[in-house]
N, C-alpha and C. Protein backbone atom coordinates (compact mmCIF):
# COMPACT_ATOMS: atom_id res chain seq x y z
N MET A 1 0.93 -1.02 -0.08
CA MET A 1 0.33 -0.05 -0.10
C MET A 1 1.03 1.50 0.37
N LEU A 2 1.53 1.09 0.74
CA LEU A 2 2.82 2.50 1.14
C LEU A 2 3.46 2.36 -0.73
N ASN A 3 4.18 1.58 -1.19
CA ASN A 3 4.95 1.65 -2.53
C ASN A 3 4.18 2.24 -3.40
N ILE A 4 2.19 2.05 -3.21
CA ILE A 4 1.84 1.89 -4.25
C ILE A 4 1.30 3.83 -4.21
N ILE A 5 1.44 4.34 -3.19
CA ILE A 5 0.96 5.63 -2.41
C ILE A 5 2.35 6.79 -3.09
N ILE A 6 3.37 5.77 -2.76
CA ILE A 6 4.47 6.40 -3.22
C ILE A 6 4.81 7.15 -4.93
N GLU A 7 4.07 5.82 -5.53
CA GLU A 7 4.34 5.77 -6.95
C GLU A 7 3.51 6.79 -7.65
N ILE A 8 2.33 6.92 -6.88
CA ILE A 8 1.55 8.30 -7.65
C ILE A 8 1.65 9.28 -7.09
N LEU A 9 2.50 9.48 -6.04
CA LEU A 9 2.86 10.75 -5.74
C LEU A 9 3.82 11.03 -6.65
N ILE A 10 4.94 9.98 -7.26
CA ILE A 10 6.19 10.29 -8.23
C ILE A 10 5.43 10.76 -9.75
N SER A 11 4.82 9.87 -9.99
CA SER A 11 4.18 10.11 -10.86
C SER A 11 3.24 11.13 -11.27
N ALA A 12 3.00 11.59 -10.50
CA ALA A 12 2.41 13.09 -10.35
C ALA A 12 3.25 14.31 -10.47
N GLY A 13 4.41 14.17 -10.06
CA GLY A 13 5.58 14.94 -10.38
C GLY A 13 6.05 15.48 -8.99
N SER A 14 5.69 14.98 -7.94
CA SER A 14 6.17 15.00 -6.44
C SER A 14 7.53 15.50 -6.49
N SER A 15 8.06 15.95 -5.72
CA SER A 15 9.39 16.42 -5.26
C SER A 15 10.09 14.81 -4.22
N THR A 16 10.96 14.63 -4.41
CA THR A 16 11.86 13.56 -3.77
C THR A 16 11.83 13.89 -2.16
N PHE A 17 11.56 14.86 -1.65
CA PHE A 17 11.65 15.44 -0.63
C PHE A 17 10.34 15.67 -0.14
N VAL A 18 9.32 15.45 -0.45
CA VAL A 18 7.99 15.45 -0.33
C VAL A 18 7.64 14.02 0.13
N VAL A 19 8.28 12.95 -1.24
CA VAL A 19 8.21 11.58 -0.80
C VAL A 19 8.70 11.17 0.20
N PHE A 20 9.62 11.52 0.46
CA PHE A 20 10.55 10.93 1.95
C PHE A 20 10.00 11.37 2.86
N LEU A 21 9.65 13.10 3.05
CA LEU A 21 8.79 13.23 4.25
C LEU A 21 7.05 12.32 4.54
N LEU A 22 6.51 11.86 3.44
CA LEU A 22 5.26 11.04 3.86
C LEU A 22 5.00 9.68 3.86
N LYS A 23 6.73 9.26 3.21
CA LYS A 23 7.07 7.86 3.49
C LYS A 23 7.85 7.55 5.15
N ASN A 24 8.09 8.89 5.71
CA ASN A 24 8.40 8.55 7.64
C ASN A 24 6.99 8.73 8.02
N TRP A 25 5.95 9.76 8.04
CA TRP A 25 4.59 9.81 8.05
C TRP A 25 4.26 8.36 8.44
N ILE A 26 3.98 7.83 7.25
CA ILE A 26 3.44 6.48 7.25
C ILE A 26 3.98 5.71 7.85
N LEU A 27 5.15 5.66 8.09
CA LEU A 27 6.03 4.53 9.02
C LEU A 27 5.68 5.07 10.40
N LYS A 28 5.89 5.62 10.54
CA LYS A 28 5.58 6.12 12.39
C LYS A 28 3.86 5.97 12.52
N GLN A 29 3.23 6.19 11.82
CA GLN A 29 1.58 6.06 11.66
C GLN A 29 1.99 4.11 12.32
N MET A 30 2.35 3.78 11.26
CA MET A 30 2.05 2.01 11.56
C MET A 30 2.63 1.61 12.30
N GLU A 31 3.90 2.18 12.89
CA GLU A 31 4.66 1.98 14.24
C GLU A 31 4.11 2.11 15.47
N HIS A 32 3.39 3.41 15.29
CA HIS A 32 2.32 4.20 16.42
C HIS A 32 1.28 2.61 16.62
N GLN A 33 0.66 2.58 15.43
CA GLN A 33 -0.61 1.14 15.60
C GLN A 33 0.05 0.09 16.17
N PHE A 34 1.22 -0.58 15.58
CA PHE A 34 1.96 -1.57 16.23
C PHE A 34 2.31 -1.03 17.85
N ASN A 35 2.37 -0.20 18.32
CA ASN A 35 3.11 0.02 19.54
C ASN A 35 2.03 -0.28 20.28
N VAL A 36 0.88 0.14 19.84
CA VAL A 36 -0.72 0.62 20.65
C VAL A 36 -1.12 -1.22 20.90
N LYS A 37 -0.98 -1.98 19.88
CA LYS A 37 -1.36 -3.59 19.70
C LYS A 37 -0.55 -3.97 20.84
N ILE A 38 0.91 -3.58 20.67
CA ILE A 38 1.49 -4.16 21.80
C ILE A 38 1.17 -4.06 23.39
N GLU A 39 0.98 -2.07 23.51
CA GLU A 39 0.70 -2.08 25.01
C GLU A 39 -0.92 -2.90 25.16
N ASN A 40 -1.98 -2.95 24.51
CA ASN A 40 -2.96 -3.59 24.61
C ASN A 40 -2.69 -5.26 25.29
N TYR A 41 -1.77 -5.43 24.37
CA TYR A 41 -1.56 -6.97 24.69
C TYR A 41 -0.78 -7.07 25.81
N LYS A 42 -0.16 -6.48 26.27
CA LYS A 42 0.63 -6.45 27.42
C LYS A 42 -0.50 -6.30 28.24
N SER A 43 -1.22 -5.13 28.31
CA SER A 43 -2.01 -5.02 29.16
C SER A 43 -3.16 -6.18 29.56
N GLU A 44 -3.11 -7.18 28.54
CA GLU A 44 -4.11 -8.40 28.86
C GLU A 44 -3.36 -9.14 29.46
N LEU A 45 -1.96 -9.21 28.99
CA LEU A 45 -1.52 -10.45 30.29
C LEU A 45 -1.39 -9.94 31.31
N GLY A 46 -1.21 -8.88 31.60
CA GLY A 46 -1.15 -8.16 32.87
C GLY A 46 -2.32 -8.39 33.99
N LYS A 47 -3.74 -8.14 33.32
CA LYS A 47 -5.06 -8.80 33.72
C LYS A 47 -4.75 -10.08 34.10
N GLY A 48 -4.31 -10.81 33.20
CA GLY A 48 -4.35 -12.40 33.34
C GLY A 48 -3.36 -13.23 34.26
N ASN A 49 -2.36 -12.19 34.46
CA ASN A 49 -1.18 -12.46 35.60
C ASN A 49 -1.99 -12.01 37.25
N ILE A 50 -2.42 -11.07 36.88
CA ILE A 50 -3.12 -10.62 38.22
C ILE A 50 -3.99 -11.50 38.61
N SER A 51 -4.77 -12.14 37.93
CA SER A 51 -5.79 -12.85 37.90
C SER A 51 -5.51 -14.18 38.55
N TYR A 52 -4.25 -14.41 38.11
CA TYR A 52 -3.60 -15.68 38.40
C TYR A 52 -3.20 -15.62 39.44
N GLN A 53 -2.54 -14.30 40.45
CA GLN A 53 -2.04 -14.37 41.48
C GLN A 53 -3.31 -13.77 42.67
N ILE A 54 -3.99 -13.80 41.84
CA ILE A 54 -5.47 -14.15 43.35
C ILE A 54 -5.84 -14.92 43.42
N GLU A 55 -6.10 -16.06 42.54
CA GLU A 55 -6.38 -17.37 42.14
C GLU A 55 -5.14 -18.15 43.44
N LYS A 56 -3.83 -17.56 42.97
CA LYS A 56 -2.51 -18.17 43.97
C LYS A 56 -3.08 -18.11 45.08
N THR A 57 -3.26 -16.63 45.54
CA THR A 57 -3.64 -16.47 46.69
C THR A 57 -4.31 -17.10 47.84
N GLU A 58 -5.60 -16.62 47.26
CA GLU A 58 -6.74 -17.89 47.51
C GLU A 58 -6.53 -19.19 47.98
N PHE A 59 -6.02 -19.87 46.72
CA PHE A 59 -5.53 -20.93 47.14
C PHE A 59 -4.78 -21.47 48.26
N ALA A 60 -3.26 -20.31 48.43
CA ALA A 60 -2.99 -20.48 49.75
C ALA A 60 -3.81 -19.92 51.12
N LYS A 61 -4.55 -19.15 51.37
CA LYS A 61 -5.06 -18.95 52.23
C LYS A 61 -6.04 -20.41 52.43
N LYS A 62 -6.76 -20.90 51.45
CA LYS A 62 -7.62 -22.42 51.75
C LYS A 62 -6.76 -23.45 52.19
N LYS A 63 -5.41 -22.94 52.12
CA LYS A 63 -4.97 -24.18 51.99
C LYS A 63 -4.30 -24.35 53.87
N PHE A 64 -3.69 -22.86 53.98
CA PHE A 64 -3.54 -22.81 55.36
C PHE A 64 -4.81 -22.57 56.57
N GLU A 65 -6.03 -22.57 56.38
CA GLU A 65 -6.64 -22.72 56.91
C GLU A 65 -7.41 -24.02 57.15
N GLN A 66 -7.21 -25.20 55.84
CA GLN A 66 -7.72 -26.56 55.97
C GLN A 66 -6.65 -26.85 56.63
N VAL A 67 -5.12 -26.69 56.39
CA VAL A 67 -4.06 -27.84 57.44
C VAL A 67 -4.02 -27.09 58.45
N SER A 68 -4.32 -25.58 58.85
CA SER A 68 -4.34 -25.33 60.61
C SER A 68 -5.52 -26.12 61.47
N THR A 69 -6.45 -25.81 60.66
CA THR A 69 -7.66 -26.43 61.25
C THR A 69 -7.59 -28.12 61.66
N LEU A 70 -6.93 -28.71 60.50
CA LEU A 70 -6.62 -30.45 60.61
C LEU A 70 -5.94 -30.42 61.62
N TYR A 71 -4.58 -29.48 61.89
CA TYR A 71 -3.64 -30.07 63.03
C TYR A 71 -3.98 -29.86 64.64
N THR A 72 -4.89 -28.35 64.60
CA THR A 72 -5.56 -28.29 65.69
C THR A 72 -6.80 -29.49 66.40
N LYS A 73 -6.97 -29.82 65.33
CA LYS A 73 -8.29 -31.36 65.87
C LYS A 73 -7.23 -32.54 65.53
N LEU A 74 -6.17 -32.56 65.14
CA LEU A 74 -5.22 -33.73 65.45
C LEU A 74 -4.73 -34.04 66.89
N LEU A 75 -4.15 -32.65 67.05
CA LEU A 75 -3.81 -32.23 68.27
C LEU A 75 -4.81 -32.64 69.31
N ASP A 76 -6.09 -32.43 69.14
CA ASP A 76 -7.40 -32.65 70.32
C ASP A 76 -7.52 -33.92 70.02
N ARG A 77 -7.15 -35.12 69.34
CA ARG A 77 -7.23 -35.91 69.28
C ARG A 77 -6.09 -37.12 69.73
N LYS A 78 -5.13 -36.14 70.18
CA LYS A 78 -4.12 -36.98 70.85
C LYS A 78 -4.46 -36.35 72.21
N LYS A 79 -4.91 -35.97 72.39
CA LYS A 79 -4.96 -35.63 73.30
C LYS A 79 -6.54 -36.24 74.56
N ARG A 80 -7.77 -36.56 73.37
CA ARG A 80 -8.84 -37.61 73.72
C ARG A 80 -8.01 -39.13 74.23
N ALA A 81 -6.94 -39.45 72.92
CA ALA A 81 -6.32 -40.87 73.34
C ALA A 81 -6.06 -40.91 74.35
N GLU A 82 -4.71 -39.86 75.00
CA GLU A 82 -4.69 -40.15 75.61
C GLU A 82 -5.04 -40.10 77.56
N ASP A 83 -6.44 -39.44 76.75
CA ASP A 83 -7.88 -39.23 78.42
C ASP A 83 -8.21 -40.49 78.38
N THR A 84 -7.95 -41.83 77.39
CA THR A 84 -8.85 -42.76 77.33
C THR A 84 -8.08 -43.63 78.38
N TYR A 85 -7.43 -43.35 79.03
CA TYR A 85 -6.24 -44.27 80.24
C TYR A 85 -7.60 -44.13 81.16
N GLU A 86 -8.22 -43.28 81.36
CA GLU A 86 -8.90 -42.72 82.40
C GLU A 86 -10.37 -44.00 82.48
N LEU A 87 -10.17 -44.55 81.01
CA LEU A 87 -11.83 -45.51 81.32
C LEU A 87 -11.01 -46.85 82.04
N ILE A 88 -9.71 -47.32 81.70
CA ILE A 88 -9.32 -48.31 83.16
C ILE A 88 -9.67 -48.53 84.51
N GLY A 89 -10.10 -47.35 85.31
CA GLY A 89 -10.74 -46.74 86.24
C GLY A 89 -12.38 -46.34 86.26
N ALA A 90 -12.91 -46.58 85.03
CA ALA A 90 -14.08 -45.86 85.21
C ALA A 90 -14.91 -47.00 85.99
N GLN A 91 -15.96 -46.24 86.79
CA GLN A 91 -16.96 -46.76 87.83
C GLN A 91 -17.69 -48.20 86.66
N SER A 92 -18.14 -47.53 85.89
CA SER A 92 -19.10 -48.76 85.03
C SER A 92 -19.10 -48.74 83.79
N ILE A 93 -19.22 -50.22 83.17
CA ILE A 93 -19.34 -50.61 81.55
C ILE A 93 -20.00 -49.72 80.83
N LEU A 94 -21.10 -48.81 81.32
CA LEU A 94 -21.99 -47.88 80.67
C LEU A 94 -21.16 -46.66 80.29
N ASP A 95 -20.07 -46.21 81.42
CA ASP A 95 -19.30 -44.99 81.24
C ASP A 95 -18.54 -45.39 80.26
N ILE A 96 -18.05 -46.69 80.31
CA ILE A 96 -16.86 -46.86 79.23
C ILE A 96 -17.25 -47.27 77.75
N ARG A 97 -18.73 -47.50 77.75
CA ARG A 97 -19.39 -47.45 76.43
C ARG A 97 -19.75 -45.78 75.88
N ARG A 98 -19.96 -45.06 77.18
CA ARG A 98 -20.59 -43.55 76.41
C ARG A 98 -19.53 -42.97 75.84
N ALA A 99 -18.37 -43.14 76.29
CA ALA A 99 -17.10 -42.98 75.94
C ALA A 99 -16.62 -42.82 74.59
N TYR A 100 -16.64 -44.48 74.41
CA TYR A 100 -16.66 -45.27 72.98
C TYR A 100 -17.50 -44.92 72.42
N ASP A 101 -18.43 -44.62 72.29
CA ASP A 101 -19.78 -44.48 71.41
C ASP A 101 -19.29 -43.05 70.93
N ALA A 102 -19.17 -41.94 72.07
CA ALA A 102 -18.66 -40.60 71.39
C ALA A 102 -17.31 -40.57 70.55
N GLN A 103 -16.48 -41.01 71.36
CA GLN A 103 -15.47 -41.12 70.09
C GLN A 103 -15.22 -41.38 68.84
N THR A 104 -16.14 -42.68 69.28
CA THR A 104 -16.47 -43.38 67.22
C THR A 104 -17.29 -42.33 66.30
N GLU A 105 -18.02 -41.35 67.16
CA GLU A 105 -18.44 -40.38 66.44
C GLU A 105 -17.81 -39.13 66.33
N GLN A 106 -17.16 -38.51 67.20
CA GLN A 106 -15.82 -37.63 66.87
C GLN A 106 -15.25 -38.04 65.77
N ASP A 107 -14.19 -39.35 65.57
CA ASP A 107 -13.59 -40.06 64.79
C ASP A 107 -13.78 -39.48 63.22
N LYS A 108 -15.02 -39.91 63.33
CA LYS A 108 -16.13 -39.41 61.85
C LYS A 108 -15.77 -38.34 61.40
N LEU A 109 -16.23 -37.14 62.08
CA LEU A 109 -16.33 -35.91 61.89
C LEU A 109 -14.60 -35.67 61.23
N LEU A 110 -13.94 -36.14 62.23
CA LEU A 110 -12.44 -35.76 61.62
C LEU A 110 -12.30 -36.25 60.97
N GLN A 111 -12.33 -37.43 60.41
CA GLN A 111 -12.60 -38.21 58.97
C GLN A 111 -12.57 -36.97 57.74
N ASN A 112 -13.91 -36.38 57.83
CA ASN A 112 -14.10 -35.54 56.93
C ASN A 112 -13.05 -34.46 57.02
N ASP A 113 -12.70 -34.21 57.68
CA ASP A 113 -11.60 -32.84 57.96
C ASP A 113 -10.26 -33.64 57.18
N ILE A 114 -10.21 -34.58 57.41
CA ILE A 114 -8.89 -35.68 56.62
C ILE A 114 -8.96 -35.37 55.16
N SER A 115 -10.41 -35.94 54.73
CA SER A 115 -10.41 -35.52 53.37
C SER A 115 -10.19 -34.62 52.71
N MET A 116 -10.96 -33.71 53.37
CA MET A 116 -10.71 -32.15 52.82
C MET A 116 -9.32 -31.95 52.74
N ALA A 117 -8.42 -31.80 53.62
CA ALA A 117 -7.23 -31.75 53.68
C ALA A 117 -6.61 -32.43 52.47
N GLY A 118 -6.93 -33.76 52.73
CA GLY A 118 -6.00 -34.11 51.09
C GLY A 118 -5.85 -33.55 49.88
N LEU A 119 -6.71 -32.39 49.86
CA LEU A 119 -6.93 -31.68 48.78
C LEU A 119 -5.61 -30.55 48.64
N TYR A 120 -4.92 -30.60 49.49
CA TYR A 120 -4.03 -29.37 50.01
C TYR A 120 -2.43 -30.44 50.13
N VAL A 121 -2.35 -31.53 51.02
CA VAL A 121 -1.17 -32.22 50.92
C VAL A 121 -1.28 -33.47 50.52
N ASP A 122 0.19 -33.75 50.56
CA ASP A 122 0.22 -34.98 49.55
C ASP A 122 -0.16 -36.50 49.98
N GLU A 123 0.54 -37.49 49.20
CA GLU A 123 -0.33 -38.61 50.12
C GLU A 123 0.77 -39.45 51.04
N VAL A 124 2.11 -38.59 51.37
CA VAL A 124 2.86 -39.05 52.42
C VAL A 124 2.38 -38.83 53.65
N VAL A 125 1.91 -37.64 53.94
CA VAL A 125 1.18 -36.94 55.02
C VAL A 125 -0.35 -37.82 55.16
N ILE A 126 -1.10 -38.09 54.11
CA ILE A 126 -2.39 -38.46 54.56
C ILE A 126 -2.12 -39.92 54.98
N ASN A 127 -0.90 -40.69 54.70
CA ASN A 127 -0.69 -41.80 55.37
C ASN A 127 -0.39 -41.86 56.63
N GLU A 128 0.61 -40.96 57.07
CA GLU A 128 1.04 -40.81 58.69
C GLU A 128 -0.31 -40.43 59.36
N ILE A 129 -0.82 -39.66 58.68
CA ILE A 129 -2.27 -39.53 59.79
C ILE A 129 -3.09 -40.78 59.83
N SER A 130 -3.06 -41.83 58.78
CA SER A 130 -4.27 -42.83 59.05
C SER A 130 -3.27 -43.96 60.12
N SER A 131 -2.03 -43.64 60.13
CA SER A 131 -1.44 -44.83 61.31
C SER A 131 -1.64 -43.65 62.41
N PHE A 132 -1.73 -42.50 62.47
CA PHE A 132 -1.96 -41.93 63.58
C PHE A 132 -3.41 -42.25 64.07
N MET A 133 -4.28 -42.06 62.98
CA MET A 133 -5.62 -42.44 63.47
C MET A 133 -5.90 -43.86 64.05
N THR A 134 -5.05 -44.66 63.42
CA THR A 134 -5.23 -46.30 63.59
C THR A 134 -5.05 -46.62 65.01
N CYS A 135 -3.41 -46.00 65.44
CA CYS A 135 -3.03 -46.01 66.61
C CYS A 135 -4.39 -45.52 67.83
N CYS A 136 -4.63 -44.21 67.78
CA CYS A 136 -5.55 -44.01 68.49
C CYS A 136 -6.84 -45.17 68.49
N TYR A 137 -7.15 -45.46 67.57
CA TYR A 137 -8.35 -46.55 67.89
C TYR A 137 -8.23 -47.49 68.56
N LEU A 138 -6.68 -48.00 68.05
CA LEU A 138 -6.47 -49.43 68.89
C LEU A 138 -6.29 -49.28 70.13
N MET A 139 -5.83 -48.05 70.64
CA MET A 139 -5.31 -47.34 71.98
C MET A 139 -6.87 -47.71 72.80
N MET A 140 -8.08 -46.97 71.83
CA MET A 140 -9.32 -46.68 72.69
C MET A 140 -9.61 -48.90 73.00
N ILE A 141 -9.71 -49.50 72.11
CA ILE A 141 -9.88 -51.11 71.78
C ILE A 141 -9.09 -51.34 73.47
N ASN A 142 -7.84 -51.43 73.45
CA ASN A 142 -7.17 -51.71 74.34
C ASN A 142 -7.72 -51.15 76.08
N VAL A 143 -8.03 -49.83 75.87
CA VAL A 143 -8.56 -49.29 77.19
C VAL A 143 -9.91 -50.16 77.49
N VAL A 144 -10.99 -49.99 76.71
CA VAL A 144 -12.35 -50.99 76.71
C VAL A 144 -12.17 -52.35 77.22
N SER A 145 -11.51 -53.19 76.72
CA SER A 145 -10.59 -54.42 76.77
C SER A 145 -10.36 -54.85 77.86
N ILE A 146 -9.40 -53.94 78.61
CA ILE A 146 -8.92 -53.64 80.38
C ILE A 146 -10.30 -53.43 81.59
N GLY A 147 -10.61 -52.09 81.36
CA GLY A 147 -12.23 -51.66 81.43
C GLY A 147 -13.08 -52.86 82.17
N GLU A 148 -13.26 -53.27 80.45
CA GLU A 148 -14.18 -54.40 80.51
C GLU A 148 -13.87 -55.66 81.53
N ASP A 149 -12.81 -56.09 81.17
CA ASP A 149 -12.37 -56.99 82.25
C ASP A 149 -12.34 -56.94 83.48
N ARG A 150 -12.16 -55.54 84.19
CA ARG A 150 -11.81 -55.03 85.31
C ARG A 150 -13.75 -55.06 85.99
N LEU A 151 -14.05 -55.00 85.20
CA LEU A 151 -15.51 -55.14 85.72
C LEU A 151 -16.70 -55.93 85.45
N SER A 152 -15.97 -56.76 84.78
CA SER A 152 -17.53 -58.17 83.98
C SER A 152 -17.77 -59.09 85.32
N LYS A 153 -16.64 -58.86 86.31
CA LYS A 153 -16.98 -59.51 87.25
C LYS A 153 -18.04 -59.78 88.15
N ILE A 154 -18.93 -58.55 87.91
CA ILE A 154 -19.99 -57.63 88.13
C ILE A 154 -20.89 -58.10 87.36
N PRO A 155 -22.02 -58.75 87.89
CA PRO A 155 -23.16 -59.40 86.88
C PRO A 155 -23.73 -57.93 86.54
N SER A 156 -24.21 -56.90 87.23
CA SER A 156 -24.75 -55.65 87.06
C SER A 156 -24.25 -55.04 85.97
N GLN A 157 -22.91 -55.64 85.55
CA GLN A 157 -22.59 -54.77 84.59
C GLN A 157 -21.99 -55.67 83.25
N GLN A 158 -22.56 -57.04 83.23
CA GLN A 158 -22.31 -57.48 82.07
C GLN A 158 -23.49 -57.45 80.91
N PRO A 159 -24.52 -56.53 81.15
CA PRO A 159 -25.21 -56.57 80.08
C PRO A 159 -24.85 -54.89 79.20
N TYR A 160 -24.16 -54.37 79.66
CA TYR A 160 -23.14 -53.39 78.97
C TYR A 160 -22.04 -53.79 78.34
N MET A 161 -21.87 -54.73 78.20
CA MET A 161 -20.46 -54.84 77.86
C MET A 161 -20.41 -54.78 76.04
N ILE A 162 -19.07 -54.55 75.76
CA ILE A 162 -18.89 -54.03 74.34
C ILE A 162 -18.55 -55.45 73.46
N TYR A 163 -17.27 -55.36 74.26
CA TYR A 163 -16.16 -56.87 73.80
C TYR A 163 -16.75 -58.13 74.62
N LYS A 164 -17.22 -58.01 75.76
CA LYS A 164 -17.80 -59.24 76.21
C LYS A 164 -16.05 -60.04 76.82
N VAL A 165 -15.25 -59.62 76.91
CA VAL A 165 -13.88 -60.25 77.52
C VAL A 165 -13.97 -61.41 78.44
N CYS A 166 -14.90 -61.36 79.12
CA CYS A 166 -14.91 -62.45 80.64
C CYS A 166 -15.13 -63.48 80.03
N THR A 167 -16.16 -63.76 78.72
CA THR A 167 -16.21 -65.00 77.98
C THR A 167 -14.84 -65.41 77.22
N ASN A 168 -14.09 -64.75 77.51
CA ASN A 168 -12.51 -64.84 76.66
C ASN A 168 -11.40 -65.58 77.60
N GLU A 169 -11.55 -66.83 77.74
CA GLU A 169 -10.27 -67.20 78.77
C GLU A 169 -8.82 -66.87 78.41
N ASN A 170 -8.83 -66.38 77.22
CA ASN A 170 -7.08 -66.38 76.91
C ASN A 170 -6.42 -64.74 76.96
N PHE A 171 -7.79 -63.96 77.32
CA PHE A 171 -7.85 -62.68 77.90
C PHE A 171 -6.57 -62.32 78.69
N ASP A 172 -5.50 -61.25 78.48
CA ASP A 172 -4.54 -61.24 79.48
C ASP A 172 -4.06 -59.87 79.44
N PRO A 173 -4.87 -58.90 81.01
CA PRO A 173 -4.96 -57.98 81.07
C PRO A 173 -3.48 -57.22 81.05
N GLU A 174 -2.42 -57.94 81.59
CA GLU A 174 -1.39 -57.71 81.38
C GLU A 174 -1.09 -57.17 80.02
N TYR A 175 -0.35 -58.30 79.55
CA TYR A 175 -0.38 -58.34 77.89
C TYR A 175 -1.06 -57.04 77.25
N VAL A 176 -2.84 -56.97 77.44
CA VAL A 176 -3.10 -55.62 76.59
C VAL A 176 -2.92 -54.28 77.51
N ALA A 177 -2.10 -54.32 78.45
CA ALA A 177 -1.61 -53.07 78.93
C ALA A 177 -0.56 -52.68 78.65
N ASP A 178 0.50 -54.26 78.45
CA ASP A 178 1.72 -53.85 77.61
C ASP A 178 1.47 -53.16 75.90
N SER A 179 0.77 -54.06 75.47
CA SER A 179 0.17 -53.80 74.11
C SER A 179 -0.03 -51.69 73.65
N LEU A 180 -0.87 -51.28 74.66
CA LEU A 180 -1.51 -50.27 74.97
C LEU A 180 -0.33 -49.06 75.08
N ASN A 181 0.42 -49.65 75.72
CA ASN A 181 2.20 -48.79 76.51
C ASN A 181 2.86 -48.48 75.37
N LYS A 182 2.64 -49.70 74.43
CA LYS A 182 3.62 -49.56 73.28
C LYS A 182 2.98 -48.86 71.99
N MET A 183 1.34 -48.88 71.98
CA MET A 183 0.73 -48.49 71.30
C MET A 183 1.04 -47.00 71.25
N ASN A 184 0.49 -46.08 72.86
CA ASN A 184 0.96 -44.86 73.17
C ASN A 184 2.44 -44.67 72.46
N LYS A 185 3.43 -44.90 72.62
CA LYS A 185 4.54 -44.25 72.11
C LYS A 185 4.56 -44.46 70.71
N GLN A 186 3.90 -45.19 69.62
CA GLN A 186 4.09 -45.17 68.31
C GLN A 186 3.05 -43.69 68.10
N MET A 187 1.90 -43.93 68.48
CA MET A 187 1.05 -42.74 68.56
C MET A 187 1.60 -41.63 68.23
N ASN A 188 2.81 -41.46 69.39
CA ASN A 188 3.31 -40.18 69.77
C ASN A 188 4.19 -39.75 68.87
N ALA A 189 5.19 -40.74 68.46
CA ALA A 189 6.15 -40.69 67.52
C ALA A 189 5.43 -40.52 66.09
N THR A 190 4.53 -41.14 65.79
CA THR A 190 3.54 -40.78 64.16
C THR A 190 3.41 -39.39 64.51
N PHE A 191 2.58 -39.09 65.54
CA PHE A 191 2.13 -37.18 65.58
C PHE A 191 3.35 -36.38 65.72
N ASP A 192 4.91 -36.54 65.93
CA ASP A 192 5.55 -35.55 65.72
C ASP A 192 5.92 -35.73 64.50
N LYS A 193 6.02 -36.69 63.37
CA LYS A 193 5.94 -36.62 61.85
C LYS A 193 5.18 -35.49 61.70
N ILE A 194 3.98 -35.91 61.76
CA ILE A 194 2.67 -35.41 61.24
C ILE A 194 2.99 -33.51 61.22
N THR A 195 3.28 -33.66 62.48
CA THR A 195 3.73 -32.02 63.38
C THR A 195 4.51 -31.50 62.00
N VAL A 196 5.53 -31.94 62.18
CA VAL A 196 7.16 -31.60 61.25
C VAL A 196 6.04 -31.63 59.59
N LEU A 197 5.44 -32.64 59.39
CA LEU A 197 4.96 -32.08 57.58
C LEU A 197 3.94 -31.34 57.47
N LEU A 198 2.92 -31.17 58.45
CA LEU A 198 1.95 -29.98 58.71
C LEU A 198 3.07 -28.46 58.68
N LYS A 199 3.73 -28.54 59.31
CA LYS A 199 4.61 -27.47 59.84
C LYS A 199 5.10 -26.76 58.72
N ASN A 200 5.77 -27.93 57.66
CA ASN A 200 6.26 -27.56 56.29
C ASN A 200 5.27 -26.62 55.54
N TYR A 201 4.03 -27.39 55.38
CA TYR A 201 2.81 -26.79 54.31
C TYR A 201 2.43 -25.29 55.14
N LEU A 202 2.51 -25.32 55.97
CA LEU A 202 2.02 -23.85 56.71
C LEU A 202 3.01 -22.72 56.72
N SER A 203 4.39 -23.37 56.53
CA SER A 203 5.08 -22.20 56.26
C SER A 203 5.56 -21.54 54.51
N VAL A 204 4.89 -22.64 53.58
CA VAL A 204 5.34 -22.29 52.52
C VAL A 204 4.02 -21.28 51.76
N SER A 205 4.12 -20.59 51.07
CA SER A 205 3.01 -19.51 51.07
C SER A 205 2.24 -19.77 49.38
């Protein structure tokens, strides 16, 4: 298009100087339009980058909330596991059953939080949490077994029994108590690992 205009001007007898000025003017107009398009493109890229940064920030915020909430609830679960020792000296099997049922319901709710956290943490963390929850559950079973065995000799208590250990001649309270202590150590060790892993997630933006 530019060459056609120039040829027309030359054929019309225009001076070389006029042609030179016109050519420069056209080139500047083209350069200006090109720069405007570039700036518009950069602006669109910038908007996209801002949107990306906002989404990234929101994700980091949500991750922090989920992970910190989970850690708090796991810490509470650890305390509840340690408190189950008190059930060994419970006054009735009915008290043990109520505590057992309450723990079971709370663990169901905690599993929902663990599932949600699975969106933000990797499989290694989830596996450690699963091991921790297993330890807590086995500790409860051992405590219930010891408590029931202690109270099972009382006829009025027998209808409330969960595991009916008094009918198991091979039940050994000392063995179960030793197993309980080992499970407690394993629970604490696993929780320490979880603490380190989750703190790493909380420290990353």
